[in-house]
Amino acid sequence: MNRHLFDIESDSIEEKQQQQKRFDLMTKTPVRPLVVKMAIPAIISMVITALYNIIDTIYVGRLSTEATAGIGVSFAYMALIQALGFFFGHGSGNFISQCLGAKKHKDAETMAAVGFFSPLILGSIIGMTGLAILPHLSKAIGATPDILKHTNDYLRFILIATPFMMSSLTLNNQLRLQGNAQYAMVGIAIGAIINIIIDPIFIFVFDMGVTGASLATAISQFISWTALLKGTRRKGNVHIRIKNFKPSLHQYRLIFEGGFPSLCRQILASISITLLNHAAAIYAVPGHEASTLAAFAVVTRIMMFIFSIILGIGQGFQPICGFNYGARLYERVRSSYIFTIKVMTVVLIIMAVSLSIFAPQIISLFRSEDPELIKIGTYVMLWQCLALPLSGLNTATNMLFQTIRMTFKATLLSICRQGLFFIPTILIAPLFLGLKGVEITQAVADALSFMLTVPFSIWIIKDLKKKEAQNNLSVSKA
């Protein structure tokens, strides 16, 4: 594997044929079946990624409510890792996608190397710094005294694995945005299967508790990283070579343009989870502080699982959008965008109804021995389901703007749900409504985000139609 990082051979004729075949697939296949085809492996990858946290929470829930709350609080740090991983992954991957659409393969290779090695280096620095200030980090993200030990125990190995977790997210998105979602899926799936197998062994058989869950996740993420890196060497994929690692302000500006919306969205997710943890602790049911924190942590895990499906659908759309926008096939971009919105909305309606009906049963899977946790978690879930179907429009529109590098619009939409609307609501609503104000915050943020997104959606559809007409006129004149 290391030999390939230093490989200086040029692409073979067979590889160029594979690249042309993928170009034809992305620009000539009818968009509806193509979106579905691309979305299925992306959905599986995202669902499997979400399962890492779900599995840990379910197993740790067998230990105690405090342990469940402890790893729930740590998700704020996990969101930070995701923020930086998606920043480099989307920033480099979106550029790679457009380069492949425009047949600029050398530029794509340079960006792939910069996008891969940068989070590996940055993740090492962040991980070592976090280990040095571990207790302070745990308190900063919302750990209360009764769950502090559990948060420390879970974060320890996660911090060690940070560089591999960050660069795995980058590799996953680079492969996916090249139109190779199946390779990304396999790499992620291998790690998840390992995690499912060794998690209970470390937690219960070796009696390591929360530390065992952390170690199992770290090992699994490293295995995923290795598999994804190997996937980049498959024929037709953009290869990662250290000779192409040429970091420059220009390269990072390109990554910034394509990845800043993801960075903002995930950073704000980390901040919002931290604020949610603190608000849940402040307005907790008296005598049930750990149960209240654990209830919000469980619902957060469940909703992240639901959104992994929606993000997978959007990630199936993104490479189609990038290739066709780079190839100036604007009608295909518009058609695939509208179809993606419809699919996301239908899926969210089905999920919202299902979760509303079975909320207590789903919550009890995580900690059946705590009736207060189930009660609070049910209320939280019902409120979130109320506005859940509105999130499809915001997600698809944000992904479209990000892929075609309309950075300001993409960033604005990306900060709506977890920032522009969530943060003021979580700070104000509980002052008047107490714990119920915390429970309704996400639903309020989702509804307001939908209202803001509607005019942007109308505008981009009209703009794509205009570009399509101009492009057709230029072709006819030629």
Protein backbone atom coordinates (compact mmCIF):
# COMPACT_ATOMS: atom_id res chain seq x y z
CA MET A 1 0.00 0.00 0.00
CA ASN A 2 2.79 2.45 0.91
CA ARG A 3 4.49 1.66 -2.41
CA HIS A 4 1.53 3.18 -4.23
CA LEU A 5 1.74 6.43 -2.28
CA PHE A 6 5.14 6.98 -3.86
CA ASP A 7 4.15 5.61 -7.27
CA ILE A 8 5.26 7.93 -10.09
CA GLU A 9 3.82 6.00 -13.02
CA SER A 10 1.31 7.74 -15.25
CA ASP A 11 -2.21 6.44 -15.80
CA SER A 12 -2.39 3.43 -18.12
CA ILE A 13 -4.55 3.32 -21.22
CA GLU A 14 -6.89 0.98 -19.35
CA GLU A 15 -7.31 3.51 -16.55
CA LYS A 16 -8.09 6.26 -19.05
CA GLN A 17 -10.72 4.02 -20.59
CA GLN A 18 -12.23 3.45 -17.15
CA GLN A 19 -12.31 7.21 -16.56
CA GLN A 20 -14.07 7.78 -19.90
CA LYS A 21 -16.55 5.03 -19.07
CA ARG A 22 -17.38 6.74 -15.77
CA PHE A 23 -17.73 10.10 -17.53
CA ASP A 24 -20.22 8.58 -19.96
CA LEU A 25 -22.13 6.97 -17.10
CA MET A 26 -22.48 10.25 -15.21
CA THR A 27 -23.36 12.43 -18.19
CA LYS A 28 -25.51 10.15 -20.38
CA THR A 29 -27.48 7.77 -18.11
CA PRO A 30 -31.07 8.95 -17.35
CA VAL A 31 -30.83 10.94 -14.13
CA ARG A 32 -33.55 9.27 -12.03
CA PRO A 33 -32.18 5.71 -12.15
CA LEU A 34 -28.66 7.15 -11.92
CA VAL A 35 -29.46 9.04 -8.69
CA VAL A 36 -30.94 5.84 -7.22
CA LYS A 37 -27.94 3.78 -8.36
CA MET A 38 -25.46 6.24 -6.88
CA ALA A 39 -27.48 6.79 -3.71
CA ILE A 40 -27.79 3.16 -2.61
CA PRO A 41 -24.09 2.57 -1.76
CA ALA A 42 -23.85 6.14 -0.36
CA ILE A 43 -26.84 5.47 1.92
CA ILE A 44 -25.27 2.21 3.08
CA SER A 45 -21.98 4.02 3.81
CA MET A 46 -23.70 6.77 5.79
CA VAL A 47 -25.93 4.34 7.69
CA ILE A 48 -22.93 2.20 8.58
CA THR A 49 -21.05 5.32 9.75
CA ALA A 50 -24.00 6.24 11.98
CA LEU A 51 -24.06 2.67 13.32
CA TYR A 52 -20.67 3.23 14.98
CA ASN A 53 -22.34 5.57 17.46
CA ILE A 54 -25.61 3.61 17.65
CA ILE A 55 -23.81 0.36 18.48
CA ASP A 56 -21.69 1.96 21.19
CA THR A 57 -24.75 3.59 22.75
CA ILE A 58 -26.80 0.37 22.77
CA TYR A 59 -24.02 -1.73 24.32
CA VAL A 60 -22.99 0.92 26.84
CA GLY A 61 -26.66 1.35 27.76
CA ARG A 62 -26.40 -2.09 29.37
CA LEU A 63 -23.88 -0.68 31.84
CA SER A 64 -25.67 2.35 33.34
CA THR A 65 -27.57 5.55 32.57
CA GLU A 66 -24.46 7.54 33.53
CA ALA A 67 -22.36 5.61 31.00
CA THR A 68 -24.97 6.28 28.29
CA ALA A 69 -24.93 9.99 29.11
CA GLY A 70 -21.13 10.02 29.17
CA ILE A 71 -20.66 8.75 25.62
CA GLY A 72 -23.62 10.88 24.50
CA VAL A 73 -21.82 14.02 25.62
CA SER A 74 -18.70 12.93 23.73
CA PHE A 75 -20.61 13.18 20.45
CA ALA A 76 -19.86 16.90 20.45
CA TYR A 77 -16.17 16.04 19.87
CA MET A 78 -17.10 13.42 17.27
CA ALA A 79 -19.01 16.15 15.43
CA LEU A 80 -15.81 18.24 15.37
CA ILE A 81 -13.90 15.35 13.79
CA GLN A 82 -16.67 15.01 11.22
CA ALA A 83 -16.57 18.75 10.57
CA LEU A 84 -12.91 18.70 9.58
CA GLY A 85 -13.15 15.37 7.75
CA PHE A 86 -16.10 16.58 5.68
CA PHE A 87 -14.39 19.93 5.12
CA PHE A 88 -11.39 18.30 3.44
CA GLY A 89 -13.49 15.53 1.88
CA HIS A 90 -16.17 17.74 0.34
CA GLY A 91 -13.70 20.53 -0.44
CA SER A 92 -11.33 18.28 -2.34
CA GLY A 93 -13.99 15.85 -3.61
CA ASN A 94 -16.24 18.50 -5.16
CA PHE A 95 -13.25 19.94 -7.03
CA ILE A 96 -12.16 16.46 -8.15
CA SER A 97 -15.69 15.78 -9.43
CA GLN A 98 -15.75 18.91 -11.57
CA CYS A 99 -12.19 18.25 -12.81
CA LEU A 100 -13.24 14.78 -13.97
CA GLY A 101 -16.30 16.28 -15.65
CA ALA A 102 -13.98 18.73 -17.46
CA LYS A 103 -11.39 15.92 -18.04
CA LYS A 104 -8.62 17.65 -16.03
CA HIS A 105 -7.19 14.51 -14.44
CA LYS A 106 -3.82 15.92 -13.29
CA ASP A 107 -5.54 18.67 -11.32
CA ALA A 108 -7.74 16.00 -9.74
CA GLU A 109 -4.70 13.97 -8.63
CA THR A 110 -3.03 16.97 -7.01
CA MET A 111 -6.19 17.84 -5.10
CA ALA A 112 -6.66 14.23 -3.97
CA ALA A 113 -3.20 14.21 -2.37
CA VAL A 114 -3.61 17.58 -0.66
CA GLY A 115 -7.08 16.62 0.55
CA PHE A 116 -5.85 13.32 2.02
CA PHE A 117 -2.59 14.24 3.74
CA SER A 118 -3.81 17.52 5.28
CA PRO A 119 -6.42 16.01 7.66
CA LEU A 120 -3.98 13.24 8.55
CA ILE A 121 -1.51 15.85 9.79
CA LEU A 122 -4.09 18.14 11.38
CA GLY A 123 -5.86 15.21 13.07
CA SER A 124 -2.60 14.15 14.73
CA ILE A 125 -2.15 17.62 16.20
CA ILE A 126 -5.75 17.82 17.44
CA GLY A 127 -5.66 14.32 18.92
CA MET A 128 -2.44 14.90 20.88
CA THR A 129 -3.69 18.26 22.15
CA GLY A 130 -6.98 16.70 23.27
CA LEU A 131 -5.19 13.97 25.21
CA ALA A 132 -3.13 16.60 27.04
CA ILE A 133 -6.27 18.45 28.23
CA LEU A 134 -8.71 15.51 28.38
CA PRO A 135 -10.60 16.36 31.64
CA HIS A 136 -11.00 19.99 30.60
CA LEU A 137 -12.20 18.94 27.14
CA SER A 138 -14.85 16.65 28.64
CA LYS A 139 -16.18 19.40 30.90
CA ALA A 140 -16.21 21.90 28.04
CA ILE A 141 -18.49 19.70 25.90
CA GLY A 142 -21.00 19.27 28.74
CA ALA A 143 -19.89 16.43 31.02
CA THR A 144 -21.28 16.83 34.55
CA PRO A 145 -19.39 15.46 37.61
CA ASP A 146 -21.40 12.22 37.74
CA ILE A 147 -20.59 11.30 34.12
CA LEU A 148 -17.13 12.89 33.75
CA LYS A 149 -15.22 9.61 34.18
CA HIS A 150 -17.26 7.90 31.49
CA THR A 151 -16.73 10.77 29.05
CA ASN A 152 -12.97 10.73 29.72
CA ASP A 153 -12.82 6.96 29.22
CA TYR A 154 -14.67 7.12 25.90
CA LEU A 155 -12.74 10.06 24.47
CA ARG A 156 -9.29 8.65 25.24
CA PHE A 157 -8.98 6.20 22.33
CA ILE A 158 -11.15 8.37 20.08
CA LEU A 159 -8.52 11.10 20.43
CA ILE A 160 -5.75 8.64 19.53
CA ALA A 161 -7.67 7.59 16.42
CA THR A 162 -8.55 11.16 15.38
CA PRO A 163 -6.14 11.43 12.39
CA PHE A 164 -7.45 8.18 10.88
CA MET A 165 -11.09 9.09 11.54
CA MET A 166 -10.67 12.48 9.86
CA SER A 167 -8.80 11.21 6.81
CA SER A 168 -11.23 8.25 6.47
CA LEU A 169 -14.07 10.74 6.04
CA THR A 170 -11.98 12.55 3.44
CA LEU A 171 -11.22 9.35 1.50
CA ASN A 172 -14.86 8.26 1.69
CA ASN A 173 -16.05 11.55 0.17
CA GLN A 174 -13.31 11.67 -2.46
CA LEU A 175 -14.22 8.18 -3.68
CA ARG A 176 -17.93 8.93 -3.60
CA LEU A 177 -17.65 12.22 -5.48
CA GLN A 178 -15.63 10.47 -8.19
CA GLY A 179 -18.68 8.28 -8.73
CA ASN A 180 -17.15 5.33 -6.83
CA ALA A 181 -19.59 5.07 -3.94
CA GLN A 182 -19.32 1.27 -3.94
CA TYR A 183 -15.63 1.42 -2.92
CA ALA A 184 -16.45 3.92 -0.20
CA MET A 185 -19.24 1.64 1.01
CA VAL A 186 -16.98 -1.41 1.24
CA GLY A 187 -14.29 0.48 3.15
CA ILE A 188 -16.75 1.79 5.72
CA ALA A 189 -18.62 -1.54 5.97
CA ILE A 190 -15.47 -3.50 6.83
CA GLY A 191 -14.79 -1.27 9.84
CA ALA A 192 -18.41 -1.34 11.00
CA ILE A 193 -18.59 -5.14 10.90
CA ILE A 194 -15.38 -5.35 12.93
CA ASN A 195 -16.84 -2.84 15.40
CA ILE A 196 -20.05 -4.87 15.83
CA ILE A 197 -18.00 -8.00 16.56
CA ILE A 198 -15.39 -6.63 18.96
CA ASP A 199 -17.51 -4.01 20.79
CA PRO A 200 -19.26 -6.46 23.15
CA ILE A 201 -16.06 -8.47 23.56
CA PHE A 202 -14.11 -5.46 24.80
CA ILE A 203 -16.99 -4.05 26.88
CA PHE A 204 -18.25 -7.24 28.58
CA VAL A 205 -15.84 -10.16 28.04
CA PHE A 206 -12.70 -8.12 28.78
CA ASP A 207 -14.70 -6.06 31.30
CA MET A 208 -13.34 -2.77 29.89
CA GLY A 209 -16.71 -0.94 30.02
CA VAL A 210 -16.82 2.42 28.26
CA THR A 211 -13.07 2.24 27.54
CA GLY A 212 -13.70 -0.97 25.61
CA ALA A 213 -16.30 0.75 23.43
CA SER A 214 -13.81 3.51 22.68
CA LEU A 215 -10.99 1.08 21.83
CA ALA A 216 -13.27 -0.99 19.58
CA THR A 217 -14.33 2.13 17.67
CA ALA A 218 -10.72 3.29 17.28
CA ILE A 219 -9.55 -0.09 15.92
CA SER A 220 -12.52 -0.29 13.55
CA GLN A 221 -11.92 3.21 12.21
CA PHE A 222 -8.26 2.40 11.52
CA ILE A 223 -9.30 -0.71 9.58
CA SER A 224 -11.76 1.39 7.55
CA TRP A 225 -9.02 3.92 6.82
CA THR A 226 -6.73 1.17 5.51
CA ALA A 227 -9.47 -0.30 3.30
CA LEU A 228 -10.46 3.11 1.87
CA LEU A 229 -6.84 3.97 1.08
CA LYS A 230 -6.50 0.67 -0.74
CA GLY A 231 -9.70 1.49 -2.65
CA THR A 232 -8.08 4.57 -4.19
CA ARG A 233 -5.70 2.24 -6.04
CA ARG A 234 -8.47 0.57 -8.04
CA LYS A 235 -8.38 1.20 -11.78
CA GLY A 236 -10.26 4.30 -12.85
CA ASN A 237 -9.98 5.96 -9.43
CA VAL A 238 -7.91 9.07 -8.78
CA HIS A 239 -4.74 7.74 -7.17
CA ILE A 240 -3.20 9.33 -4.08
CA ARG A 241 0.56 9.79 -4.41
CA ILE A 242 2.81 11.69 -2.04
CA LYS A 243 4.59 13.31 -5.00
CA ASN A 244 1.31 15.13 -5.68
CA PHE A 245 1.10 16.53 -2.15
CA LYS A 246 1.75 20.15 -3.07
CA PRO A 247 -0.02 22.23 -0.42
CA SER A 248 -0.45 25.87 -1.38
CA LEU A 249 -2.76 28.76 -0.66
CA HIS A 250 -4.41 28.13 -4.03
CA GLN A 251 -5.12 24.49 -3.19
CA TYR A 252 -6.52 25.35 0.23
CA ARG A 253 -8.63 28.13 -1.28
CA LEU A 254 -10.20 25.55 -3.59
CA ILE A 255 -10.82 23.22 -0.63
CA PHE A 256 -12.28 26.13 1.33
CA GLU A 257 -14.72 26.98 -1.47
CA GLY A 258 -16.03 23.43 -1.71
CA GLY A 259 -15.77 22.42 1.95
CA PHE A 260 -16.54 25.52 4.01
CA PRO A 261 -20.32 24.89 4.08
CA SER A 262 -19.69 21.40 5.48
CA LEU A 263 -17.22 22.80 8.01
CA CYS A 264 -19.75 25.37 9.19
CA ARG A 265 -22.56 22.84 9.34
CA GLN A 266 -20.58 20.30 11.37
CA ILE A 267 -18.86 22.85 13.63
CA LEU A 268 -22.25 24.30 14.46
CA ALA A 269 -23.52 20.75 15.05
CA SER A 270 -20.75 20.32 17.61
CA ILE A 271 -21.60 23.64 19.26
CA SER A 272 -25.34 22.90 19.22
CA ILE A 273 -24.81 19.48 20.83
CA THR A 274 -22.65 21.11 23.50
CA LEU A 275 -25.33 23.75 24.18
CA LEU A 276 -27.98 21.03 24.19
CA ASN A 277 -25.98 19.06 26.76
CA HIS A 278 -25.65 22.10 29.02
CA ALA A 279 -29.33 23.07 28.63
CA ALA A 280 -30.48 19.50 29.35
CA ALA A 281 -28.37 19.50 32.52
CA ILE A 282 -29.67 22.91 33.67
CA TYR A 283 -33.37 22.19 33.02
CA ALA A 284 -33.25 18.46 33.83
CA VAL A 285 -36.03 16.75 35.76
CA PRO A 286 -34.99 17.10 39.44
CA GLY A 287 -33.34 13.91 40.65
CA HIS A 288 -33.03 12.58 37.08
CA GLU A 289 -30.20 14.67 35.65
CA ALA A 290 -28.34 11.70 34.12
CA SER A 291 -31.59 10.32 32.65
CA THR A 292 -32.38 13.68 31.03
CA LEU A 293 -28.92 13.97 29.49
CA ALA A 294 -29.06 10.35 28.33
CA ALA A 295 -32.52 10.86 26.78
CA PHE A 296 -31.32 13.74 24.60
CA ALA A 297 -28.17 11.76 23.72
CA VAL A 298 -30.22 8.76 22.59
CA VAL A 299 -32.60 10.86 20.44
CA THR A 300 -29.60 12.65 18.91
CA ARG A 301 -28.15 9.26 17.92
CA ILE A 302 -31.47 8.15 16.41
CA MET A 303 -31.92 11.37 14.43
CA MET A 304 -28.35 11.21 13.17
CA PHE A 305 -29.15 7.70 11.94
CA ILE A 306 -32.23 9.00 10.09
CA PHE A 307 -30.25 11.85 8.56
CA SER A 308 -27.55 9.42 7.47
CA ILE A 309 -30.14 8.03 5.03
CA ILE A 310 -31.03 11.51 3.77
CA LEU A 311 -27.37 12.49 3.45
CA GLY A 312 -26.76 9.26 1.55
CA ILE A 313 -29.45 10.19 -0.96
CA GLY A 314 -27.88 13.64 -1.32
CA GLN A 315 -24.43 12.12 -1.71
CA GLY A 316 -25.75 9.99 -4.53
CA PHE A 317 -26.90 13.20 -6.21
CA GLN A 318 -23.68 15.18 -5.68
CA PRO A 319 -21.31 13.43 -8.12
CA ILE A 320 -24.03 13.56 -10.79
CA CYS A 321 -24.39 17.26 -10.11
CA GLY A 322 -20.63 17.86 -10.15
CA PHE A 323 -19.90 15.92 -13.35
CA ASN A 324 -22.79 17.43 -15.29
CA TYR A 325 -22.22 20.98 -14.05
CA GLY A 326 -18.56 20.67 -15.06
CA ALA A 327 -19.71 19.35 -18.45
CA ARG A 328 -22.25 22.23 -18.77
CA LEU A 329 -25.21 19.84 -18.88
CA TYR A 330 -27.46 22.05 -16.77
CA GLU A 331 -30.76 20.33 -17.57
CA ARG A 332 -29.41 17.12 -16.00
CA VAL A 333 -28.36 19.06 -12.90
CA ARG A 334 -31.82 20.59 -12.53
CA SER A 335 -33.69 17.31 -13.12
CA SER A 336 -31.57 15.35 -10.66
CA TYR A 337 -31.94 18.12 -8.04
CA ILE A 338 -35.76 18.14 -8.22
CA PHE A 339 -35.89 14.34 -8.12
CA THR A 340 -33.59 14.28 -5.07
CA ILE A 341 -35.87 16.69 -3.17
CA LYS A 342 -38.89 14.49 -3.85
CA VAL A 343 -37.16 11.30 -2.74
CA MET A 344 -35.79 12.90 0.44
CA THR A 345 -39.18 14.31 1.41
CA VAL A 346 -41.02 11.01 0.91
CA VAL A 347 -38.42 9.13 2.97
CA LEU A 348 -38.60 11.70 5.77
CA ILE A 349 -42.40 11.51 5.91
CA ILE A 350 -42.24 7.73 6.25
CA MET A 351 -39.55 7.99 8.94
CA ALA A 352 -41.40 10.69 10.90
CA VAL A 353 -44.62 8.66 11.00
CA SER A 354 -42.80 5.45 11.98
CA LEU A 355 -40.76 7.09 14.73
CA SER A 356 -43.83 8.84 16.13
CA ILE A 357 -45.76 5.57 16.40
CA PHE A 358 -42.95 3.51 17.93
CA ALA A 359 -41.05 6.19 19.87
CA PRO A 360 -41.17 4.53 23.36
CA GLN A 361 -40.17 1.13 21.99
CA ILE A 362 -37.23 2.60 20.04
CA ILE A 363 -35.97 4.62 23.02
CA SER A 364 -36.19 1.56 25.29
CA LEU A 365 -33.71 -0.31 23.05
CA PHE A 366 -30.99 1.91 24.46
CA ARG A 367 -31.87 1.82 28.17
CA SER A 368 -35.02 -0.17 29.03
CA GLU A 369 -34.29 -0.08 32.79
CA ASP A 370 -34.85 3.70 33.07
CA PRO A 371 -38.53 4.73 32.63
CA GLU A 372 -37.74 8.45 33.07
CA LEU A 373 -35.23 8.30 30.21
CA ILE A 374 -37.85 6.63 27.99
CA LYS A 375 -40.49 9.21 28.93
CA ILE A 376 -38.30 12.25 28.25
CA GLY A 377 -36.81 10.71 25.10
CA THR A 378 -40.28 10.01 23.70
CA TYR A 379 -41.33 13.65 24.07
CA VAL A 380 -38.10 14.85 22.44
CA MET A 381 -38.53 12.46 19.50
CA LEU A 382 -42.18 13.40 18.91
CA TRP A 383 -41.29 17.09 18.71
CA GLN A 384 -38.47 16.44 16.24
CA CYS A 385 -40.68 14.23 14.05
CA LEU A 386 -43.17 17.09 13.72
CA ALA A 387 -40.88 19.10 11.43
CA LEU A 388 -38.66 16.29 10.14
CA PRO A 389 -40.17 16.12 6.59
CA LEU A 390 -39.22 19.78 6.00
CA SER A 391 -35.49 19.02 6.12
CA GLY A 392 -35.26 17.42 2.66
CA LEU A 393 -35.48 20.72 0.77
CA ASN A 394 -32.77 22.36 2.88
CA THR A 395 -30.42 19.38 2.60
CA ALA A 396 -30.73 18.94 -1.19
CA THR A 397 -30.43 22.67 -1.91
CA ASN A 398 -27.41 23.03 0.36
CA MET A 399 -25.70 20.10 -1.35
CA LEU A 400 -26.41 21.55 -4.79
CA PHE A 401 -24.91 24.94 -3.96
CA GLN A 402 -21.90 23.31 -2.32
CA THR A 403 -21.20 21.01 -5.27
CA ILE A 404 -21.38 23.81 -7.87
CA ARG A 405 -19.21 25.96 -5.55
CA MET A 406 -21.68 28.73 -4.75
CA THR A 407 -19.94 29.01 -1.40
CA PHE A 408 -21.85 31.87 0.21
CA LYS A 409 -25.31 30.44 -0.50
CA ALA A 410 -24.25 26.95 0.51
CA THR A 411 -22.73 28.24 3.74
CA LEU A 412 -25.80 30.27 4.62
CA LEU A 413 -28.09 27.29 4.17
CA SER A 414 -25.70 24.96 5.98
CA ILE A 415 -25.65 27.12 9.12
CA CYS A 416 -29.44 27.51 9.32
CA ARG A 417 -30.53 24.32 10.99
CA GLN A 418 -27.83 23.92 13.65
CA GLY A 419 -26.70 27.53 13.94
CA LEU A 420 -28.70 30.49 12.72
CA PHE A 421 -31.97 29.16 14.17
CA PHE A 422 -30.99 26.40 16.59
CA ILE A 423 -28.58 28.35 18.81
CA PRO A 424 -30.85 31.36 19.53
CA THR A 425 -33.78 29.00 20.18
CA ILE A 426 -31.84 26.77 22.61
CA LEU A 427 -30.70 29.89 24.49
CA ILE A 428 -34.11 31.62 24.64
CA ALA A 429 -36.91 29.01 24.62
CA PRO A 430 -35.91 27.22 27.86
CA LEU A 431 -35.98 30.54 29.76
CA PHE A 432 -39.75 30.61 29.24
CA LEU A 433 -40.67 26.94 28.78
CA GLY A 434 -38.07 25.11 30.86
CA LEU A 435 -37.28 21.57 29.68
CA LYS A 436 -40.02 21.74 27.03
CA GLY A 437 -38.15 24.66 25.49
CA VAL A 438 -35.14 22.37 25.07
CA GLU A 439 -37.34 19.64 23.60
CA ILE A 440 -38.89 21.86 20.87
CA THR A 441 -35.68 23.58 19.76
CA GLN A 442 -34.83 21.29 16.82
CA ALA A 443 -38.39 21.38 15.43
CA VAL A 444 -38.42 25.19 15.51
CA ALA A 445 -35.01 25.32 13.79
CA ASP A 446 -36.17 22.88 11.07
CA ALA A 447 -39.32 24.89 10.32
CA LEU A 448 -37.45 28.19 10.07
CA SER A 449 -34.73 26.62 7.89
CA PHE A 450 -37.39 25.38 5.46
CA MET A 451 -38.88 28.86 5.15
CA LEU A 452 -35.47 30.37 4.38
CA THR A 453 -34.60 27.68 1.81
CA VAL A 454 -37.73 27.99 -0.37
CA PRO A 455 -36.70 31.21 -2.20
CA PHE A 456 -33.17 29.87 -2.78
CA SER A 457 -34.62 26.72 -4.31
CA ILE A 458 -36.86 28.68 -6.66
CA TRP A 459 -33.93 30.91 -7.70
CA ILE A 460 -31.50 28.07 -8.51
CA ILE A 461 -34.08 26.22 -10.62
CA LYS A 462 -34.62 29.38 -12.67
CA ASP A 463 -30.86 30.00 -12.91
CA LEU A 464 -30.20 26.47 -14.19
CA LYS A 465 -32.93 26.89 -16.81
CA LYS A 466 -31.30 30.16 -17.90
CA LYS A 467 -27.85 28.53 -18.18
CA GLU A 468 -29.39 25.65 -20.09
CA ALA A 469 -30.98 28.03 -22.62
CA GLN A 470 -27.73 29.98 -23.04
CA ASN A 471 -25.75 26.79 -23.53
CA ASN A 472 -28.20 25.51 -26.14
CA LEU A 473 -27.99 28.83 -27.98
CA SER A 474 -24.19 28.68 -28.03
CA VAL A 475 -24.26 25.14 -29.37
CA SER A 476 -26.74 26.02 -32.12
CA LYS A 477 -24.61 29.00 -33.22
CA ALA A 478 -21.51 26.86 -33.33
